[in-house]
PDB file of N, CA and C in Angstrom:
ATOM      1  N   UNK A   1    -122.417 -47.029  22.735  1.00  0.00           N
ATOM      2  CA  UNK A   1    -121.163 -47.446  22.954  1.00  0.00           C
ATOM      3  C   UNK A   1    -120.149 -46.303  22.756  1.00  0.00           C
ATOM      4  N   UNK A   2    -120.524 -45.104  23.100  1.00  0.00           N
ATOM      5  CA  UNK A   2    -119.709 -44.015  22.938  1.00  0.00           C
ATOM      6  C   UNK A   2    -118.381 -44.202  23.673  1.00  0.00           C
ATOM      7  N   UNK A   3    -117.301 -43.900  22.914  1.00  0.00           N
ATOM      8  CA  UNK A   3    -115.948 -43.980  23.568  1.00  0.00           C
ATOM      9  C   UNK A   3    -115.456 -45.350  23.605  1.00  0.00           C
ATOM     10  N   UNK A   4    -116.056 -46.359  23.078  1.00  0.00           N
ATOM     11  CA  UNK A   4    -115.655 -47.751  23.066  1.00  0.00           C
ATOM     12  C   UNK A   4    -115.424 -48.253  21.646  1.00  0.00           C
ATOM     13  N   UNK A   5    -114.442 -49.206  21.483  1.00  0.00           N
ATOM     14  CA  UNK A   5    -114.281 -49.847  20.207  1.00  0.00           C
ATOM     15  C   UNK A   5    -114.204 -51.377  20.472  1.00  0.00           C
ATOM     16  N   UNK A   6    -114.693 -52.051  19.478  1.00  0.00           N
ATOM     17  CA  UNK A   6    -114.585 -53.524  19.461  1.00  0.00           C
ATOM     18  C   UNK A   6    -113.810 -53.951  18.208  1.00  0.00           C
ATOM     19  N   UNK A   7    -112.707 -54.636  18.426  1.00  0.00           N
ATOM     20  CA  UNK A   7    -111.858 -55.083  17.295  1.00  0.00           C
ATOM     21  C   UNK A   7    -112.039 -56.598  17.286  1.00  0.00           C
ATOM     22  N   UNK A   8    -112.384 -57.087  16.065  1.00  0.00           N
ATOM     23  CA  UNK A   8    -112.588 -58.491  15.871  1.00  0.00           C
ATOM     24  C   UNK A   8    -111.446 -59.050  14.876  1.00  0.00           C
ATOM     25  N   UNK A   9    -110.785 -60.028  15.291  1.00  0.00           N
ATOM     26  CA  UNK A   9    -109.667 -60.532  14.425  1.00  0.00           C
ATOM     27  C   UNK A   9    -109.873 -62.022  14.115  1.00  0.00           C
ATOM     28  N   UNK A  10    -109.346 -62.403  12.938  1.00  0.00           N
ATOM     29  CA  UNK A  10    -109.385 -63.819  12.597  1.00  0.00           C
ATOM     30  C   UNK A  10    -108.803 -64.044  11.242  1.00  0.00           C
ATOM     31  N   UNK A  11    -108.721 -65.285  10.871  1.00  0.00           N
ATOM     32  CA  UNK A  11    -108.128 -65.668   9.616  1.00  0.00           C
ATOM     33  C   UNK A  11    -109.115 -65.230   8.455  1.00  0.00           C
ATOM     34  N   UNK A  12    -108.550 -65.255   7.228  1.00  0.00           N
ATOM     35  CA  UNK A  12    -109.391 -64.826   6.061  1.00  0.00           C
ATOM     36  C   UNK A  12    -110.481 -65.823   5.877  1.00  0.00           C
ATOM     37  N   UNK A  13    -111.564 -65.241   5.502  1.00  0.00           N
ATOM     38  CA  UNK A  13    -112.838 -65.961   5.157  1.00  0.00           C
ATOM     39  C   UNK A  13    -113.446 -66.780   6.223  1.00  0.00           C
ATOM     40  N   UNK A  14    -113.325 -66.264   7.464  1.00  0.00           N
ATOM     41  CA  UNK A  14    -113.915 -67.037   8.557  1.00  0.00           C
ATOM     42  C   UNK A  14    -115.187 -66.509   9.072  1.00  0.00           C
ATOM     43  N   UNK A  15    -115.630 -65.410   8.441  1.00  0.00           N
ATOM     44  CA  UNK A  15    -116.962 -64.843   8.794  1.00  0.00           C
ATOM     45  C   UNK A  15    -116.867 -63.604   9.673  1.00  0.00           C
ATOM     46  N   UNK A  16    -115.719 -62.936   9.735  1.00  0.00           N
ATOM     47  CA  UNK A  16    -115.519 -61.766  10.601  1.00  0.00           C
ATOM     48  C   UNK A  16    -116.481 -60.606  10.290  1.00  0.00           C
ATOM     49  N   UNK A  17    -116.726 -60.370   8.944  1.00  0.00           N
ATOM     50  CA  UNK A  17    -117.586 -59.311   8.566  1.00  0.00           C
ATOM     51  C   UNK A  17    -119.006 -59.618   8.904  1.00  0.00           C
ATOM     52  N   UNK A  18    -119.489 -60.834   8.780  1.00  0.00           N
ATOM     53  CA  UNK A  18    -120.813 -61.180   9.116  1.00  0.00           C
ATOM     54  C   UNK A  18    -121.053 -61.090  10.619  1.00  0.00           C
ATOM     55  N   UNK A  19    -120.196 -61.546  11.381  1.00  0.00           N
ATOM     56  CA  UNK A  19    -120.272 -61.507  12.820  1.00  0.00           C
ATOM     57  C   UNK A  19    -120.166 -59.979  13.266  1.00  0.00           C
ATOM     58  N   UNK A  20    -119.205 -59.246  12.725  1.00  0.00           N
ATOM     59  CA  UNK A  20    -119.073 -57.852  13.108  1.00  0.00           C
ATOM     60  C   UNK A  20    -120.318 -57.086  12.728  1.00  0.00           C
ATOM     61  N   UNK A  21    -120.899 -57.279  11.534  1.00  0.00           N
ATOM     62  CA  UNK A  21    -122.108 -56.492  11.159  1.00  0.00           C
ATOM     63  C   UNK A  21    -123.246 -56.828  12.118  1.00  0.00           C
ATOM     64  N   UNK A  22    -123.421 -58.112  12.441  1.00  0.00           N
ATOM     65  CA  UNK A  22    -124.459 -58.555  13.339  1.00  0.00           C
ATOM     66  C   UNK A  22    -124.239 -57.971  14.704  1.00  0.00           C
ATOM     67  N   UNK A  23    -123.054 -57.996  15.218  1.00  0.00           N
ATOM     68  CA  UNK A  23    -122.729 -57.339  16.551  1.00  0.00           C
ATOM     69  C   UNK A  23    -122.922 -55.844  16.593  1.00  0.00           C
ATOM     70  N   UNK A  24    -122.460 -55.163  15.531  1.00  0.00           N
ATOM     71  CA  UNK A  24    -122.700 -53.783  15.466  1.00  0.00           C
ATOM     72  C   UNK A  24    -124.210 -53.380  15.478  1.00  0.00           C
ATOM     73  N   UNK A  25    -125.001 -54.201  14.707  1.00  0.00           N
ATOM     74  CA  UNK A  25    -126.439 -54.064  14.638  1.00  0.00           C
ATOM     75  C   UNK A  25    -127.036 -54.178  16.083  1.00  0.00           C
ATOM     76  N   UNK A  26    -126.555 -55.259  16.750  1.00  0.00           N
ATOM     77  CA  UNK A  26    -127.110 -55.490  18.070  1.00  0.00           C
ATOM     78  C   UNK A  26    -126.816 -54.410  19.062  1.00  0.00           C
ATOM     79  N   UNK A  27    -125.611 -53.802  18.893  1.00  0.00           N
ATOM     80  CA  UNK A  27    -125.144 -52.772  19.782  1.00  0.00           C
ATOM     81  C   UNK A  27    -125.490 -51.352  19.300  1.00  0.00           C
ATOM     82  N   UNK A  28    -126.189 -51.254  18.229  1.00  0.00           N
ATOM     83  CA  UNK A  28    -126.489 -49.989  17.644  1.00  0.00           C
ATOM     84  C   UNK A  28    -125.205 -49.158  17.446  1.00  0.00           C
ATOM     85  N   UNK A  29    -124.221 -49.829  16.909  1.00  0.00           N
ATOM     86  CA  UNK A  29    -122.895 -49.263  16.729  1.00  0.00           C
ATOM     87  C   UNK A  29    -122.573 -49.184  15.206  1.00  0.00           C
ATOM     88  N   UNK A  30    -121.572 -48.510  14.883  1.00  0.00           N
ATOM     89  CA  UNK A  30    -121.019 -48.371  13.481  1.00  0.00           C
ATOM     90  C   UNK A  30    -120.174 -49.578  13.182  1.00  0.00           C
ATOM     91  N   UNK A  31    -120.378 -50.123  12.031  1.00  0.00           N
ATOM     92  CA  UNK A  31    -119.447 -51.351  11.649  1.00  0.00           C
ATOM     93  C   UNK A  31    -118.523 -50.821  10.553  1.00  0.00           C
ATOM     94  N   UNK A  32    -117.230 -50.980  10.690  1.00  0.00           N
ATOM     95  CA  UNK A  32    -116.217 -50.662   9.698  1.00  0.00           C
ATOM     96  C   UNK A  32    -115.507 -51.943   9.336  1.00  0.00           C
ATOM     97  N   UNK A  33    -115.589 -52.339   8.078  1.00  0.00           N
ATOM     98  CA  UNK A  33    -114.869 -53.537   7.555  1.00  0.00           C
ATOM     99  C   UNK A  33    -113.515 -53.174   7.155  1.00  0.00           C
ATOM    100  N   UNK A  34    -112.512 -53.909   7.620  1.00  0.00           N
ATOM    101  CA  UNK A  34    -111.159 -53.709   7.364  1.00  0.00           C
ATOM    102  C   UNK A  34    -110.830 -53.746   5.874  1.00  0.00           C
ATOM    103  N   UNK A  35    -111.615 -54.582   5.096  1.00  0.00           N
ATOM    104  CA  UNK A  35    -111.433 -54.642   3.665  1.00  0.00           C
ATOM    105  C   UNK A  35    -111.654 -53.272   2.992  1.00  0.00           C
ATOM    106  N   UNK A  36    -112.345 -52.448   3.599  1.00  0.00           N
ATOM    107  CA  UNK A  36    -112.560 -51.066   3.076  1.00  0.00           C
ATOM    108  C   UNK A  36    -111.345 -50.205   3.203  1.00  0.00           C
ATOM    109  N   UNK A  37    -110.359 -50.574   3.800  1.00  0.00           N
ATOM    110  CA  UNK A  37    -109.195 -49.794   4.131  1.00  0.00           C
ATOM    111  C   UNK A  37    -107.994 -50.106   3.157  1.00  0.00           C
ATOM    112  N   UNK A  38    -108.144 -51.135   2.397  1.00  0.00           N
ATOM    113  CA  UNK A  38    -107.036 -51.415   1.494  1.00  0.00           C
ATOM    114  C   UNK A  38    -107.600 -51.910   0.142  1.00  0.00           C
ATOM    115  N   UNK A  39    -106.863 -51.824  -0.984  1.00  0.00           N
ATOM    116  CA  UNK A  39    -107.315 -52.194  -2.263  1.00  0.00           C
ATOM    117  C   UNK A  39    -107.513 -53.701  -2.442  1.00  0.00           C
TER     118      UNK A  39
END
């Protein structure tokens, strides 16, 4: 997926991180959790 980004959005505690990690794994892509960007 060079040069492409996927942004997943949703309400708190709806499973975004789980879905994002699974999707990243399936696409052999890097997963970045938004929770890692704020305290």
